[in-house]
C-alpha atoms as a PDB file:
ATOM      1  CA  MET A   1     181.837 148.020  89.633  1.00  0.00           C
ATOM      2  CA  ALA A   2     184.414 147.757  86.891  1.00  0.00           C
ATOM      3  CA  THR A   3     185.266 150.931  85.034  1.00  0.00           C
ATOM      4  CA  MET A   4     182.781 151.495  82.218  1.00  0.00           C
ATOM      5  CA  SER A   5     182.835 153.990  79.425  1.00  0.00           C
ATOM      6  CA  ALA A   6     180.399 156.882  79.418  1.00  0.00           C
ATOM      7  CA  GLU A   7     178.742 155.415  76.324  1.00  0.00           C
ATOM      8  CA  SER A   8     178.314 152.028  78.002  1.00  0.00           C
ATOM      9  CA  ILE A   9     176.723 153.585  81.085  1.00  0.00           C
ATOM     10  CA  GLU A  10     174.388 155.690  78.962  1.00  0.00           C
ATOM     11  CA  ALA A  11     173.352 152.681  76.869  1.00  0.00           C
ATOM     12  CA  GLN A  12     172.690 150.549  79.959  1.00  0.00           C
ATOM     13  CA  VAL A  13     170.646 153.263  81.664  1.00  0.00           C
ATOM     14  CA  ILE A  14     168.623 153.800  78.496  1.00  0.00           C
ATOM     15  CA  GLU A  15     168.070 150.046  78.287  1.00  0.00           C
ATOM     16  CA  LEU A  16     166.740 149.990  81.875  1.00  0.00           C
ATOM     17  CA  VAL A  17     164.502 152.994  81.255  1.00  0.00           C
ATOM     18  CA  ALA A  18     163.191 151.562  77.990  1.00  0.00           C
ATOM     19  CA  HIS A  19     162.390 148.273  79.707  1.00  0.00           C
ATOM     20  CA  MET A  20     160.415 150.062  82.450  1.00  0.00           C
ATOM     21  CA  ALA A  21     158.592 152.255  79.912  1.00  0.00           C
ATOM     22  CA  GLU A  22     157.951 149.267  77.644  1.00  0.00           C
ATOM     23  CA  VAL A  23     159.474 150.964  74.597  1.00  0.00           C
ATOM     24  CA  THR A  24     162.490 150.193  72.472  1.00  0.00           C
ATOM     25  CA  PRO A  25     165.792 151.778  73.569  1.00  0.00           C
ATOM     26  CA  GLU A  26     165.945 153.631  70.242  1.00  0.00           C
ATOM     27  CA  ARG A  27     162.884 155.662  71.265  1.00  0.00           C
ATOM     28  CA  VAL A  28     164.461 156.904  74.516  1.00  0.00           C
ATOM     29  CA  THR A  29     166.398 160.188  74.508  1.00  0.00           C
ATOM     30  CA  LEU A  30     168.331 161.885  77.297  1.00  0.00           C
ATOM     31  CA  THR A  31     165.867 164.787  77.423  1.00  0.00           C
ATOM     32  CA  MET A  32     162.817 162.585  78.008  1.00  0.00           C
ATOM     33  CA  ARG A  33     161.128 162.914  81.386  1.00  0.00           C
ATOM     34  CA  LEU A  34     160.453 159.680  83.254  1.00  0.00           C
ATOM     35  CA  LEU A  35     156.901 160.525  84.323  1.00  0.00           C
ATOM     36  CA  ASP A  36     155.611 162.891  81.637  1.00  0.00           C
ATOM     37  CA  ASP A  37     157.214 161.465  78.499  1.00  0.00           C
ATOM     38  CA  LEU A  38     157.728 157.808  79.374  1.00  0.00           C
ATOM     39  CA  GLY A  39     154.872 157.189  81.798  1.00  0.00           C
ATOM     40  CA  ILE A  40     157.135 155.833  84.528  1.00  0.00           C
ATOM     41  CA  ASP A  41     155.142 156.699  87.638  1.00  0.00           C
ATOM     42  CA  ALA A  42     156.125 156.319  91.295  1.00  0.00           C
ATOM     43  CA  ASP A  43     155.786 152.508  91.372  1.00  0.00           C
ATOM     44  CA  GLY A  44     157.669 152.050  88.101  1.00  0.00           C
ATOM     45  CA  ALA A  45     160.271 154.572  89.205  1.00  0.00           C
ATOM     46  CA  VAL A  46     160.906 152.616  92.403  1.00  0.00           C
ATOM     47  CA  GLU A  47     161.629 149.521  90.296  1.00  0.00           C
ATOM     48  CA  LEU A  48     163.798 151.538  87.909  1.00  0.00           C
ATOM     49  CA  PHE A  49     165.910 153.063  90.661  1.00  0.00           C
ATOM     50  CA  GLU A  50     166.220 149.756  92.523  1.00  0.00           C
ATOM     51  CA  GLY A  51     167.520 148.217  89.297  1.00  0.00           C
ATOM     52  CA  LEU A  52     169.856 151.170  88.833  1.00  0.00           C
ATOM     53  CA  HIS A  53     171.260 150.710  92.337  1.00  0.00           C
ATOM     54  CA  GLU A  54     171.670 146.951  91.850  1.00  0.00           C
ATOM     55  CA  ARG A  55     173.431 147.310  88.506  1.00  0.00           C
ATOM     56  CA  PHE A  56     175.645 150.331  89.208  1.00  0.00           C
ATOM     57  CA  GLY A  57     175.677 150.717  92.989  1.00  0.00           C
ATOM     58  CA  THR A  58     174.467 154.314  92.672  1.00  0.00           C
ATOM     59  CA  ASP A  59     173.661 155.918  96.046  1.00  0.00           C
ATOM     60  CA  LEU A  60     170.098 157.214  95.779  1.00  0.00           C
ATOM     61  CA  THR A  61     169.743 158.618  99.304  1.00  0.00           C
ATOM     62  CA  HIS A  62     169.195 162.197  98.155  1.00  0.00           C
ATOM     63  CA  LEU A  63     166.637 161.138  95.551  1.00  0.00           C
ATOM     64  CA  TYR A  64     164.602 159.249  98.141  1.00  0.00           C
ATOM     65  CA  GLU A  65     164.752 162.256 100.481  1.00  0.00           C
ATOM     66  CA  ASP A  66     163.009 164.350  97.792  1.00  0.00           C
ATOM     67  CA  TRP A  67     160.895 161.580  96.249  1.00  0.00           C
ATOM     68  CA  SER A  68     157.556 163.375  96.664  1.00  0.00           C
ATOM     69  CA  HIS A  69     158.920 166.393  94.787  1.00  0.00           C
ATOM     70  CA  HIS A  70     159.455 164.220  91.733  1.00  0.00           C
ATOM     71  CA  PHE A  71     156.542 161.794  91.799  1.00  0.00           C
ATOM     72  CA  GLY A  72     153.969 163.256  94.202  1.00  0.00           C
ATOM     73  CA  SER A  73     152.085 161.162  96.701  1.00  0.00           C
ATOM     74  CA  GLU A  74     150.501 157.801  95.974  1.00  0.00           C
ATOM     75  CA  GLY A  75     146.778 157.485  95.344  1.00  0.00           C
ATOM     76  CA  MET A  76     144.290 160.081  94.202  1.00  0.00           C
ATOM     77  CA  PRO A  77     144.708 163.335  96.078  1.00  0.00           C
ATOM     78  CA  LEU A  78     141.727 165.245  97.419  1.00  0.00           C
ATOM     79  CA  SER A  79     142.464 167.990  94.903  1.00  0.00           C
ATOM     80  CA  ALA A  80     141.652 165.572  92.061  1.00  0.00           C
ATOM     81  CA  GLY A  81     138.144 165.084  93.411  1.00  0.00           C
ATOM     82  CA  LEU A  82     137.744 168.806  93.810  1.00  0.00           C
ATOM     83  CA  ILE A  83     138.518 169.165  90.116  1.00  0.00           C
ATOM     84  CA  ILE A  84     136.675 166.138  88.718  1.00  0.00           C
ATOM     85  CA  ILE A  85     133.374 166.703  90.528  1.00  0.00           C
ATOM     86  CA  PRO A  86     132.799 170.310  89.348  1.00  0.00           C
ATOM     87  CA  ALA A  87     133.905 169.331  85.845  1.00  0.00           C
ATOM     88  CA  GLY A  88     131.349 166.526  85.752  1.00  0.00           C
ATOM     89  CA  VAL A  89     128.641 168.821  87.057  1.00  0.00           C
ATOM     90  CA  ALA A  90     129.496 171.526  84.492  1.00  0.00           C
ATOM     91  CA  GLY A  91     129.550 169.024  81.628  1.00  0.00           C
ATOM     92  CA  GLY A  92     126.261 167.477  82.693  1.00  0.00           C
ATOM     93  CA  PHE A  93     124.635 170.888  83.119  1.00  0.00           C
ATOM     94  CA  VAL A  94     125.694 172.064  79.649  1.00  0.00           C
ATOM     95  CA  PHE A  95     124.533 168.764  78.139  1.00  0.00           C
ATOM     96  CA  SER A  96     121.120 168.972  79.817  1.00  0.00           C
ATOM     97  CA  LEU A  97     120.630 172.585  78.686  1.00  0.00           C
ATOM     98  CA  LEU A  98     121.511 171.903  75.069  1.00  0.00           C
ATOM     99  CA  ASN A  99     120.182 168.371  74.556  1.00  0.00           C
ATOM    100  CA  ALA A 100     116.591 169.337  73.790  1.00  0.00           C
ATOM    101  CA  VAL A 101     117.628 172.280  71.622  1.00  0.00           C
ATOM    102  CA  VAL A 102     120.506 171.009  69.451  1.00  0.00           C
ATOM    103  CA  GLY A 103     120.412 167.220  69.815  1.00  0.00           C
ATOM    104  CA  ASP A 104     122.548 164.565  71.454  1.00  0.00           C
ATOM    105  CA  VAL A 105     125.781 164.838  69.481  1.00  0.00           C
ATOM    106  CA  ILE A 106     126.283 168.580  69.764  1.00  0.00           C
ATOM    107  CA  ALA A 107     125.131 168.562  73.400  1.00  0.00           C
ATOM    108  CA  VAL A 108     127.647 165.815  74.244  1.00  0.00           C
ATOM    109  CA  VAL A 109     130.470 167.701  72.526  1.00  0.00           C
ATOM    110  CA  ALA A 110     129.527 170.935  74.305  1.00  0.00           C
ATOM    111  CA  GLY A 111     129.323 169.094  77.633  1.00  0.00           C
ATOM    112  CA  VAL A 112     132.769 167.550  77.150  1.00  0.00           C
ATOM    113  CA  VAL A 113     134.219 170.933  76.168  1.00  0.00           C
ATOM    114  CA  ALA A 114     132.650 172.555  79.253  1.00  0.00           C
ATOM    115  CA  ALA A 115     134.019 169.793  81.513  1.00  0.00           C
ATOM    116  CA  ALA A 116     137.496 170.102  79.972  1.00  0.00           C
ATOM    117  CA  ALA A 117     137.421 173.881  80.434  1.00  0.00           C
ATOM    118  CA  VAL A 118     136.568 173.459  84.115  1.00  0.00           C
ATOM    119  CA  VAL A 119     139.409 170.922  84.551  1.00  0.00           C
ATOM    120  CA  VAL A 120     141.959 173.211  82.879  1.00  0.00           C
ATOM    121  CA  ALA A 121     140.792 176.268  84.810  1.00  0.00           C
ATOM    122  CA  SER A 122     140.784 174.351  88.112  1.00  0.00           C
ATOM    123  CA  ILE A 123     144.298 173.044  87.583  1.00  0.00           C
ATOM    124  CA  TRP A 124     145.560 176.496  86.595  1.00  0.00           C
ATOM    125  CA  ILE A 125     143.941 178.152  89.610  1.00  0.00           C
ATOM    126  CA  GLY A 126     145.064 175.333  91.908  1.00  0.00           C
ATOM    127  CA  ARG A 127     148.680 175.742  90.858  1.00  0.00           C
ATOM    128  CA  LYS A 128     148.550 179.534  91.173  1.00  0.00           C
ATOM    129  CA  VAL A 129     147.251 179.422  94.744  1.00  0.00           C
ATOM    130  CA  GLY A 130     149.455 176.460  95.716  1.00  0.00           C
ATOM    131  CA  PHE A 131     146.607 173.975  96.167  1.00  0.00           C
ATOM    132  CA  ILE A 132     148.061 171.660  93.522  1.00  0.00           C
ATOM    133  CA  ASP A 133     151.782 170.981  93.631  1.00  0.00           C
ATOM    134  CA  ASP A 134     153.860 170.665  90.530  1.00  0.00           C
ATOM    135  CA  VAL A 135     156.372 167.858  90.482  1.00  0.00           C
ATOM    136  CA  THR A 136     159.940 168.383  89.390  1.00  0.00           C
ATOM    137  CA  PRO A 137     160.555 166.088  86.423  1.00  0.00           C
ATOM    138  CA  ILE A 138     163.517 163.728  86.230  1.00  0.00           C
ATOM    139  CA  THR A 139     165.066 163.262  82.805  1.00  0.00           C
ATOM    140  CA  VAL A 140     166.874 160.218  81.493  1.00  0.00           C
ATOM    141  CA  GLY A 141     169.981 162.420  81.245  1.00  0.00           C
ATOM    142  CA  GLU A 142     169.786 163.162  84.980  1.00  0.00           C
ATOM    143  CA  VAL A 143     169.629 159.438  85.694  1.00  0.00           C
ATOM    144  CA  VAL A 144     172.713 158.876  83.511  1.00  0.00           C
ATOM    145  CA  GLN A 145     174.497 161.729  85.291  1.00  0.00           C
ATOM    146  CA  ALA A 146     173.736 160.212  88.715  1.00  0.00           C
ATOM    147  CA  VAL A 147     175.267 156.921  87.615  1.00  0.00           C
ATOM    148  CA  HIS A 148     178.399 158.749  86.412  1.00  0.00           C
ATOM    149  CA  LEU A 149     178.603 160.588  89.759  1.00  0.00           C
ATOM    150  CA  GLY A 150     177.931 157.411  91.751  1.00  0.00           C
ATOM    151  CA  ALA A 151     175.131 159.153  93.675  1.00  0.00           C
ATOM    152  CA  TRP A 152     172.006 161.208  93.152  1.00  0.00           C
ATOM    153  CA  PRO A 153     173.017 164.860  93.611  1.00  0.00           C
ATOM    154  CA  ARG A 154     171.838 166.724  96.686  1.00  0.00           C
ATOM    155  CA  THR A 155     169.000 169.135  95.993  1.00  0.00           C
ATOM    156  CA  LYS A 156     170.135 172.742  96.108  1.00  0.00           C
ATOM    157  CA  GLN A 157     168.578 174.462  99.116  1.00  0.00           C
END
């Protein structure tokens, strides 16, 4: 790889990220998180990092070693079902209790609020007890830094 300026590397990385996120490069900032802010999930991230390696030759060995810490596992985890099912039951129960008394619209709103409350509470409890893992976000700036370094940094143990 020929020597490139820091600005050129940053612009090219942002261009790659923007392409994967299907946004204009002007909308991408260095503090944006690939998954949370740009919607680049595990499959899109694989494509992004393959493109990064092809264009810059960046060694991504350490990133791939910790991949599940950044993007989680593929598919719907069991924990999602354990959150969605009680939420649906709670929402349906609240709707059925209120429907005859207050009418469809208010009962639907109350049911949705009850379901959302169960989802939020389940996620909070799941994270507190370690049932649901948090992922460590990757920012665009970290991707740029890895290109500058020539390799994804080793995770601190």
